[in-house]
Amino acid sequence: MYNFFGVSRSVYYAFLKRMNISDRDLPLAEKIKECQEESHRTSGYRRVHIWLERQGIYRNPKTVLRVIQKYNLLSVVRRKKFKYVTEHLS
């Protein structure tokens, strides 16, 4: 079968192995989504990591960032509001 696709045997079987693994990031993604809903999607991965630790879930910050990017749970960028000064003509 791997000859048909033009890939090596090791690549083919590594791909099959990855296909059979269930998504182990899903429970973490659900907790991250809960955190983002509480903060109205204003928390970045560092705050989410701290929130998870307070909930008793200890994961590497890079893992948290990877899961956030994988499931598109990124925080919303807040725009700065500018105050415009107008001249008074007296």
PDB file of N, CA and C in Angstrom:
ATOM      1  N   MET A   1       0.829  -1.191   0.000  1.00  0.00           N
ATOM      2  CA  MET A   1       0.000   0.000   0.000  1.00  0.00           C
ATOM      3  C   MET A   1       0.872   1.253   0.000  1.00  0.00           C
ATOM      4  N   TYR A   2       1.937   1.259   0.781  1.00  0.00           N
ATOM      5  CA  TYR A   2       2.784   2.444   0.855  1.00  0.00           C
ATOM      6  C   TYR A   2       3.513   2.682  -0.459  1.00  0.00           C
ATOM      7  N   ASN A   3       3.768   1.613  -1.233  1.00  0.00           N
ATOM      8  CA  ASN A   3       4.381   1.798  -2.552  1.00  0.00           C
ATOM      9  C   ASN A   3       3.435   2.539  -3.493  1.00  0.00           C
ATOM     10  N   PHE A   4       2.154   2.311  -3.326  1.00  0.00           N
ATOM     11  CA  PHE A   4       1.158   2.973  -4.157  1.00  0.00           C
ATOM     12  C   PHE A   4       1.182   4.484  -3.940  1.00  0.00           C
ATOM     13  N   PHE A   5       1.350   4.910  -2.679  1.00  0.00           N
ATOM     14  CA  PHE A   5       1.368   6.337  -2.365  1.00  0.00           C
ATOM     15  C   PHE A   5       2.735   6.972  -2.583  1.00  0.00           C
ATOM     16  N   GLY A   6       3.752   6.163  -2.764  1.00  0.00           N
ATOM     17  CA  GLY A   6       5.089   6.688  -3.010  1.00  0.00           C
ATOM     18  C   GLY A   6       5.774   7.207  -1.763  1.00  0.00           C
ATOM     19  N   VAL A   7       5.466   6.619  -0.599  1.00  0.00           N
ATOM     20  CA  VAL A   7       6.121   7.010   0.651  1.00  0.00           C
ATOM     21  C   VAL A   7       6.820   5.793   1.238  1.00  0.00           C
ATOM     22  N   SER A   8       7.711   6.040   2.164  1.00  0.00           N
ATOM     23  CA  SER A   8       8.426   4.934   2.788  1.00  0.00           C
ATOM     24  C   SER A   8       7.506   4.173   3.740  1.00  0.00           C
ATOM     25  N   ARG A   9       7.910   2.992   4.084  1.00  0.00           N
ATOM     26  CA  ARG A   9       7.119   2.135   4.966  1.00  0.00           C
ATOM     27  C   ARG A   9       6.951   2.774   6.341  1.00  0.00           C
ATOM     28  N   SER A  10       8.014   3.364   6.867  1.00  0.00           N
ATOM     29  CA  SER A  10       7.941   3.958   8.204  1.00  0.00           C
ATOM     30  C   SER A  10       6.974   5.145   8.240  1.00  0.00           C
ATOM     31  N   VAL A  11       6.967   5.955   7.193  1.00  0.00           N
ATOM     32  CA  VAL A  11       6.061   7.101   7.138  1.00  0.00           C
ATOM     33  C   VAL A  11       4.617   6.624   7.065  1.00  0.00           C
ATOM     34  N   TYR A  12       4.376   5.594   6.266  1.00  0.00           N
ATOM     35  CA  TYR A  12       3.022   5.058   6.117  1.00  0.00           C
ATOM     36  C   TYR A  12       2.492   4.531   7.441  1.00  0.00           C
ATOM     37  N   TYR A  13       3.296   3.739   8.147  1.00  0.00           N
ATOM     38  CA  TYR A  13       2.831   3.166   9.407  1.00  0.00           C
ATOM     39  C   TYR A  13       2.754   4.214  10.522  1.00  0.00           C
ATOM     40  N   ALA A  14       3.608   5.211  10.478  1.00  0.00           N
ATOM     41  CA  ALA A  14       3.511   6.297  11.457  1.00  0.00           C
ATOM     42  C   ALA A  14       2.214   7.071  11.246  1.00  0.00           C
ATOM     43  N   PHE A  15       1.834   7.258   9.996  1.00  0.00           N
ATOM     44  CA  PHE A  15       0.576   7.935   9.691  1.00  0.00           C
ATOM     45  C   PHE A  15      -0.612   7.116  10.186  1.00  0.00           C
ATOM     46  N   LEU A  16      -0.582   5.811   9.959  1.00  0.00           N
ATOM     47  CA  LEU A  16      -1.664   4.946  10.438  1.00  0.00           C
ATOM     48  C   LEU A  16      -1.770   4.977  11.959  1.00  0.00           C
ATOM     49  N   LYS A  17      -0.635   5.026  12.620  1.00  0.00           N
ATOM     50  CA  LYS A  17      -0.628   5.067  14.083  1.00  0.00           C
ATOM     51  C   LYS A  17      -1.260   6.362  14.589  1.00  0.00           C
ATOM     52  N   ARG A  18      -0.950   7.480  13.934  1.00  0.00           N
ATOM     53  CA  ARG A  18      -1.532   8.763  14.339  1.00  0.00           C
ATOM     54  C   ARG A  18      -3.031   8.807  14.090  1.00  0.00           C
ATOM     55  N   MET A  19      -3.485   8.134  13.064  1.00  0.00           N
ATOM     56  CA  MET A  19      -4.912   8.131  12.741  1.00  0.00           C
ATOM     57  C   MET A  19      -5.726   7.382  13.792  1.00  0.00           C
ATOM     58  N   ASN A  20      -5.133   6.390  14.440  1.00  0.00           N
ATOM     59  CA  ASN A  20      -5.856   5.575  15.409  1.00  0.00           C
ATOM     60  C   ASN A  20      -5.885   6.182  16.807  1.00  0.00           C
ATOM     61  N   ILE A  21      -5.087   7.195  17.046  1.00  0.00           N
ATOM     62  CA  ILE A  21      -5.046   7.818  18.368  1.00  0.00           C
ATOM     63  C   ILE A  21      -6.243   8.755  18.505  1.00  0.00           C
ATOM     64  N   SER A  22      -6.996   8.577  19.582  1.00  0.00           N
ATOM     65  CA  SER A  22      -8.110   9.488  19.821  1.00  0.00           C
ATOM     66  C   SER A  22      -7.555  10.848  20.239  1.00  0.00           C
ATOM     67  N   ASP A  23      -8.354  11.860  20.076  1.00  0.00           N
ATOM     68  CA  ASP A  23      -7.893  13.220  20.356  1.00  0.00           C
ATOM     69  C   ASP A  23      -7.791  13.425  21.864  1.00  0.00           C
ATOM     70  N   ARG A  24      -6.575  13.440  22.365  1.00  0.00           N
ATOM     71  CA  ARG A  24      -6.375  13.562  23.813  1.00  0.00           C
ATOM     72  C   ARG A  24      -6.398  15.010  24.282  1.00  0.00           C
ATOM     73  N   ASP A  25      -6.415  15.953  23.350  1.00  0.00           N
ATOM     74  CA  ASP A  25      -6.448  17.369  23.716  1.00  0.00           C
ATOM     75  C   ASP A  25      -7.863  17.882  23.927  1.00  0.00           C
ATOM     76  N   LEU A  26      -8.853  17.090  23.608  1.00  0.00           N
ATOM     77  CA  LEU A  26     -10.234  17.555  23.669  1.00  0.00           C
ATOM     78  C   LEU A  26     -10.674  17.967  25.078  1.00  0.00           C
ATOM     79  N   PRO A  27     -10.380  17.186  26.147  1.00  0.00           N
ATOM     80  CA  PRO A  27     -10.779  17.648  27.491  1.00  0.00           C
ATOM     81  C   PRO A  27     -10.108  18.968  27.885  1.00  0.00           C
ATOM     82  N   LEU A  28      -8.840  19.124  27.512  1.00  0.00           N
ATOM     83  CA  LEU A  28      -8.138  20.372  27.808  1.00  0.00           C
ATOM     84  C   LEU A  28      -8.757  21.525  27.019  1.00  0.00           C
ATOM     85  N   ALA A  29      -9.129  21.277  25.783  1.00  0.00           N
ATOM     86  CA  ALA A  29      -9.746  22.320  24.959  1.00  0.00           C
ATOM     87  C   ALA A  29     -11.084  22.758  25.547  1.00  0.00           C
ATOM     88  N   GLU A  30     -11.825  21.828  26.110  1.00  0.00           N
ATOM     89  CA  GLU A  30     -13.105  22.187  26.727  1.00  0.00           C
ATOM     90  C   GLU A  30     -12.899  23.070  27.952  1.00  0.00           C
ATOM     91  N   LYS A  31     -11.876  22.771  28.760  1.00  0.00           N
ATOM     92  CA  LYS A  31     -11.576  23.618  29.924  1.00  0.00           C
ATOM     93  C   LYS A  31     -11.097  25.001  29.479  1.00  0.00           C
ATOM     94  N   ILE A  32     -10.300  25.049  28.418  1.00  0.00           N
ATOM     95  CA  ILE A  32      -9.827  26.334  27.900  1.00  0.00           C
ATOM     96  C   ILE A  32     -11.007  27.149  27.379  1.00  0.00           C
ATOM     97  N   LYS A  33     -11.935  26.483  26.711  1.00  0.00           N
ATOM     98  CA  LYS A  33     -13.122  27.178  26.205  1.00  0.00           C
ATOM     99  C   LYS A  33     -13.943  27.737  27.356  1.00  0.00           C
ATOM    100  N   GLU A  34     -14.036  26.990  28.447  1.00  0.00           N
ATOM    101  CA  GLU A  34     -14.748  27.466  29.639  1.00  0.00           C
ATOM    102  C   GLU A  34     -14.081  28.720  30.193  1.00  0.00           C
ATOM    103  N   CYS A  35     -12.752  28.710  30.244  1.00  0.00           N
ATOM    104  CA  CYS A  35     -12.005  29.873  30.733  1.00  0.00           C
ATOM    105  C   CYS A  35     -12.220  31.071  29.818  1.00  0.00           C
ATOM    106  N   GLN A  36     -12.197  30.842  28.511  1.00  0.00           N
ATOM    107  CA  GLN A  36     -12.375  31.939  27.561  1.00  0.00           C
ATOM    108  C   GLN A  36     -13.782  32.522  27.641  1.00  0.00           C
ATOM    109  N   GLU A  37     -14.781  31.684  27.910  1.00  0.00           N
ATOM    110  CA  GLU A  37     -16.141  32.192  28.051  1.00  0.00           C
ATOM    111  C   GLU A  37     -16.280  33.052  29.302  1.00  0.00           C
ATOM    112  N   GLU A  38     -15.606  32.660  30.381  1.00  0.00           N
ATOM    113  CA  GLU A  38     -15.659  33.450  31.616  1.00  0.00           C
ATOM    114  C   GLU A  38     -14.999  34.812  31.440  1.00  0.00           C
ATOM    115  N   SER A  39     -13.925  34.852  30.660  1.00  0.00           N
ATOM    116  CA  SER A  39     -13.188  36.107  30.492  1.00  0.00           C
ATOM    117  C   SER A  39     -13.592  36.864  29.230  1.00  0.00           C
ATOM    118  N   HIS A  40     -14.631  36.392  28.545  1.00  0.00           N
ATOM    119  CA  HIS A  40     -15.104  37.012  27.302  1.00  0.00           C
ATOM    120  C   HIS A  40     -14.003  37.051  26.248  1.00  0.00           C
ATOM    121  N   ARG A  41     -13.230  35.980  26.181  1.00  0.00           N
ATOM    122  CA  ARG A  41     -12.141  35.776  25.213  1.00  0.00           C
ATOM    123  C   ARG A  41     -11.085  36.875  25.273  1.00  0.00           C
ATOM    124  N   THR A  42     -10.780  37.352  26.475  1.00  0.00           N
ATOM    125  CA  THR A  42      -9.737  38.363  26.609  1.00  0.00           C
ATOM    126  C   THR A  42      -8.466  37.798  27.221  1.00  0.00           C
ATOM    127  N   SER A  43      -8.467  36.544  27.620  1.00  0.00           N
ATOM    128  CA  SER A  43      -7.292  35.947  28.248  1.00  0.00           C
ATOM    129  C   SER A  43      -6.410  35.285  27.206  1.00  0.00           C
ATOM    130  N   GLY A  44      -5.127  35.594  27.281  1.00  0.00           N
ATOM    131  CA  GLY A  44      -4.156  34.930  26.421  1.00  0.00           C
ATOM    132  C   GLY A  44      -3.748  33.599  27.023  1.00  0.00           C
ATOM    133  N   TYR A  45      -2.788  32.937  26.378  1.00  0.00           N
ATOM    134  CA  TYR A  45      -2.424  31.607  26.846  1.00  0.00           C
ATOM    135  C   TYR A  45      -1.762  31.640  28.219  1.00  0.00           C
ATOM    136  N   ARG A  46      -1.097  32.734  28.576  1.00  0.00           N
ATOM    137  CA  ARG A  46      -0.454  32.800  29.891  1.00  0.00           C
ATOM    138  C   ARG A  46      -1.496  32.854  31.007  1.00  0.00           C
ATOM    139  N   ARG A  47      -2.518  33.684  30.828  1.00  0.00           N
ATOM    140  CA  ARG A  47      -3.587  33.755  31.834  1.00  0.00           C
ATOM    141  C   ARG A  47      -4.385  32.463  31.882  1.00  0.00           C
ATOM    142  N   VAL A  48      -4.613  31.864  30.718  1.00  0.00           N
ATOM    143  CA  VAL A  48      -5.340  30.593  30.674  1.00  0.00           C
ATOM    144  C   VAL A  48      -4.545  29.522  31.410  1.00  0.00           C
ATOM    145  N   HIS A  49      -3.226  29.527  31.238  1.00  0.00           N
ATOM    146  CA  HIS A  49      -2.369  28.558  31.927  1.00  0.00           C
ATOM    147  C   HIS A  49      -2.480  28.718  33.440  1.00  0.00           C
ATOM    148  N   ILE A  50      -2.466  29.947  33.925  1.00  0.00           N
ATOM    149  CA  ILE A  50      -2.609  30.205  35.361  1.00  0.00           C
ATOM    150  C   ILE A  50      -3.984  29.768  35.841  1.00  0.00           C
ATOM    151  N   TRP A  51      -5.031  30.052  35.046  1.00  0.00           N
ATOM    152  CA  TRP A  51      -6.396  29.658  35.405  1.00  0.00           C
ATOM    153  C   TRP A  51      -6.499  28.138  35.506  1.00  0.00           C
ATOM    154  N   LEU A  52      -5.870  27.435  34.556  1.00  0.00           N
ATOM    155  CA  LEU A  52      -5.903  25.970  34.580  1.00  0.00           C
ATOM    156  C   LEU A  52      -5.192  25.423  35.816  1.00  0.00           C
ATOM    157  N   GLU A  53      -4.071  26.040  36.189  1.00  0.00           N
ATOM    158  CA  GLU A  53      -3.358  25.586  37.388  1.00  0.00           C
ATOM    159  C   GLU A  53      -4.208  25.786  38.632  1.00  0.00           C
ATOM    160  N   ARG A  54      -4.954  26.877  38.692  1.00  0.00           N
ATOM    161  CA  ARG A  54      -5.847  27.103  39.837  1.00  0.00           C
ATOM    162  C   ARG A  54      -6.992  26.102  39.859  1.00  0.00           C
ATOM    163  N   GLN A  55      -7.345  25.560  38.690  1.00  0.00           N
ATOM    164  CA  GLN A  55      -8.378  24.530  38.605  1.00  0.00           C
ATOM    165  C   GLN A  55      -7.812  23.138  38.894  1.00  0.00           C
ATOM    166  N   GLY A  56      -6.487  23.045  39.052  1.00  0.00           N
ATOM    167  CA  GLY A  56      -5.849  21.764  39.346  1.00  0.00           C
ATOM    168  C   GLY A  56      -5.385  21.012  38.118  1.00  0.00           C
ATOM    169  N   ILE A  57      -5.316  21.687  36.978  1.00  0.00           N
ATOM    170  CA  ILE A  57      -4.855  21.064  35.736  1.00  0.00           C
ATOM    171  C   ILE A  57      -3.477  21.628  35.429  1.00  0.00           C
ATOM    172  N   TYR A  58      -2.471  20.788  35.502  1.00  0.00           N
ATOM    173  CA  TYR A  58      -1.096  21.226  35.312  1.00  0.00           C
ATOM    174  C   TYR A  58      -0.594  20.754  33.957  1.00  0.00           C
ATOM    175  N   ARG A  59      -0.423  21.694  33.049  1.00  0.00           N
ATOM    176  CA  ARG A  59       0.096  21.422  31.712  1.00  0.00           C
ATOM    177  C   ARG A  59       1.152  22.462  31.383  1.00  0.00           C
ATOM    178  N   ASN A  60       2.012  22.128  30.459  1.00  0.00           N
ATOM    179  CA  ASN A  60       3.040  23.033  29.996  1.00  0.00           C
ATOM    180  C   ASN A  60       2.381  24.213  29.268  1.00  0.00           C
ATOM    181  N   PRO A  61       2.885  25.434  29.456  1.00  0.00           N
ATOM    182  CA  PRO A  61       2.299  26.586  28.753  1.00  0.00           C
ATOM    183  C   PRO A  61       2.315  26.431  27.231  1.00  0.00           C
ATOM    184  N   LYS A  62       3.344  25.767  26.703  1.00  0.00           N
ATOM    185  CA  LYS A  62       3.397  25.555  25.257  1.00  0.00           C
ATOM    186  C   LYS A  62       2.301  24.603  24.797  1.00  0.00           C
ATOM    187  N   THR A  63       1.949  23.649  25.647  1.00  0.00           N
ATOM    188  CA  THR A  63       0.846  22.743  25.332  1.00  0.00           C
ATOM    189  C   THR A  63      -0.458  23.519  25.298  1.00  0.00           C
ATOM    190  N   VAL A  64      -0.637  24.420  26.262  1.00  0.00           N
ATOM    191  CA  VAL A  64      -1.846  25.243  26.308  1.00  0.00           C
ATOM    192  C   VAL A  64      -1.929  26.102  25.050  1.00  0.00           C
ATOM    193  N   LEU A  65      -0.832  26.710  24.653  1.00  0.00           N
ATOM    194  CA  LEU A  65      -0.811  27.543  23.450  1.00  0.00           C
ATOM    195  C   LEU A  65      -1.125  26.717  22.211  1.00  0.00           C
ATOM    196  N   ARG A  66      -0.554  25.527  22.104  1.00  0.00           N
ATOM    197  CA  ARG A  66      -0.792  24.667  20.945  1.00  0.00           C
ATOM    198  C   ARG A  66      -2.263  24.281  20.834  1.00  0.00           C
ATOM    199  N   VAL A  67      -2.886  23.944  21.972  1.00  0.00           N
ATOM    200  CA  VAL A  67      -4.300  23.557  21.966  1.00  0.00           C
ATOM    201  C   VAL A  67      -5.175  24.759  21.624  1.00  0.00           C
ATOM    202  N   ILE A  68      -4.827  25.930  22.145  1.00  0.00           N
ATOM    203  CA  ILE A  68      -5.585  27.147  21.833  1.00  0.00           C
ATOM    204  C   ILE A  68      -5.536  27.421  20.334  1.00  0.00           C
ATOM    205  N   GLN A  69      -4.371  27.271  19.732  1.00  0.00           N
ATOM    206  CA  GLN A  69      -4.246  27.509  18.299  1.00  0.00           C
ATOM    207  C   GLN A  69      -4.943  26.424  17.493  1.00  0.00           C
ATOM    208  N   LYS A  70      -4.861  25.183  17.955  1.00  0.00           N
ATOM    209  CA  LYS A  70      -5.456  24.059  17.226  1.00  0.00           C
ATOM    210  C   LYS A  70      -6.971  24.186  17.144  1.00  0.00           C
ATOM    211  N   TYR A  71      -7.604  24.596  18.232  1.00  0.00           N
ATOM    212  CA  TYR A  71      -9.059  24.689  18.279  1.00  0.00           C
ATOM    213  C   TYR A  71      -9.570  26.113  18.059  1.00  0.00           C
ATOM    214  N   ASN A  72      -8.692  27.008  17.628  1.00  0.00           N
ATOM    215  CA  ASN A  72      -9.045  28.402  17.323  1.00  0.00           C
ATOM    216  C   ASN A  72      -9.737  29.076  18.507  1.00  0.00           C
ATOM    217  N   LEU A  73      -9.105  28.995  19.674  1.00  0.00           N
ATOM    218  CA  LEU A  73      -9.627  29.617  20.887  1.00  0.00           C
ATOM    219  C   LEU A  73      -8.801  30.843  21.275  1.00  0.00           C
ATOM    220  N   LEU A  74      -8.199  31.477  20.293  1.00  0.00           N
ATOM    221  CA  LEU A  74      -7.346  32.628  20.553  1.00  0.00           C
ATOM    222  C   LEU A  74      -8.154  33.782  21.125  1.00  0.00           C
ATOM    223  N   SER A  75      -7.491  34.607  21.904  1.00  0.00           N
ATOM    224  CA  SER A  75      -8.179  35.747  22.497  1.00  0.00           C
ATOM    225  C   SER A  75      -8.412  36.818  21.439  1.00  0.00           C
ATOM    226  N   VAL A  76      -9.397  37.647  21.693  1.00  0.00           N
ATOM    227  CA  VAL A  76      -9.739  38.734  20.784  1.00  0.00           C
ATOM    228  C   VAL A  76      -8.822  39.905  21.087  1.00  0.00           C
ATOM    229  N   VAL A  77      -8.257  40.483  20.056  1.00  0.00           N
ATOM    230  CA  VAL A  77      -7.374  41.630  20.239  1.00  0.00           C
ATOM    231  C   VAL A  77      -8.235  42.851  20.493  1.00  0.00           C
ATOM    232  N   ARG A  78      -7.992  43.483  21.639  1.00  0.00           N
ATOM    233  CA  ARG A  78      -8.756  44.683  21.985  1.00  0.00           C
ATOM    234  C   ARG A  78      -8.076  45.901  21.379  1.00  0.00           C
ATOM    235  N   ARG A  79      -8.836  46.711  20.717  1.00  0.00           N
ATOM    236  CA  ARG A  79      -8.295  47.903  20.074  1.00  0.00           C
ATOM    237  C   ARG A  79      -8.272  49.063  21.058  1.00  0.00           C
ATOM    238  N   LYS A  80      -7.237  49.886  20.942  1.00  0.00           N
ATOM    239  CA  LYS A  80      -7.105  51.042  21.809  1.00  0.00           C
ATOM    240  C   LYS A  80      -8.037  52.142  21.324  1.00  0.00           C
ATOM    241  N   LYS A  81      -8.717  52.769  22.265  1.00  0.00           N
ATOM    242  CA  LYS A  81      -9.611  53.865  21.923  1.00  0.00           C
ATOM    243  C   LYS A  81      -8.823  55.167  21.984  1.00  0.00           C
ATOM    244  N   PHE A  82      -8.904  55.920  20.929  1.00  0.00           N
ATOM    245  CA  PHE A  82      -8.178  57.174  20.860  1.00  0.00           C
ATOM    246  C   PHE A  82      -9.093  58.329  21.234  1.00  0.00           C
ATOM    247  N   LYS A  83      -8.526  59.300  21.945  1.00  0.00           N
ATOM    248  CA  LYS A  83      -9.250  60.526  22.259  1.00  0.00           C
ATOM    249  C   LYS A  83      -8.715  61.610  21.328  1.00  0.00           C
ATOM    250  N   TYR A  84      -9.618  62.207  20.592  1.00  0.00           N
ATOM    251  CA  TYR A  84      -9.226  63.248  19.672  1.00  0.00           C
ATOM    252  C   TYR A  84      -9.411  64.602  20.344  1.00  0.00           C
ATOM    253  N   VAL A  85      -8.392  65.426  20.256  1.00  0.00           N
ATOM    254  CA  VAL A  85      -8.438  66.756  20.850  1.00  0.00           C
ATOM    255  C   VAL A  85      -8.764  67.746  19.745  1.00  0.00           C
ATOM    256  N   THR A  86      -9.798  68.520  19.971  1.00  0.00           N
ATOM    257  CA  THR A  86     -10.164  69.550  18.990  1.00  0.00           C
ATOM    258  C   THR A  86      -9.809  70.913  19.563  1.00  0.00           C
ATOM    259  N   GLU A  87      -9.493  71.811  18.696  1.00  0.00           N
ATOM    260  CA  GLU A  87      -9.133  73.156  19.137  1.00  0.00           C
ATOM    261  C   GLU A  87     -10.390  73.970  19.395  1.00  0.00           C
ATOM    262  N   HIS A  88     -10.337  74.769  20.463  1.00  0.00           N
ATOM    263  CA  HIS A  88     -11.457  75.653  20.775  1.00  0.00           C
ATOM    264  C   HIS A  88     -11.206  77.003  20.115  1.00  0.00           C
ATOM    265  N   LEU A  89     -12.167  77.441  19.378  1.00  0.00           N
ATOM    266  CA  LEU A  89     -12.064  78.758  18.749  1.00  0.00           C
ATOM    267  C   LEU A  89     -12.872  79.742  19.579  1.00  0.00           C
ATOM    268  N   SER A  90     -12.190  80.544  20.423  1.00  0.00           N
ATOM    269  CA  SER A  90     -12.897  81.489  21.280  1.00  0.00           C
ATOM    270  C   SER A  90     -12.653  82.899  20.840  1.00  0.00           C
TER     271      SER A  90
END
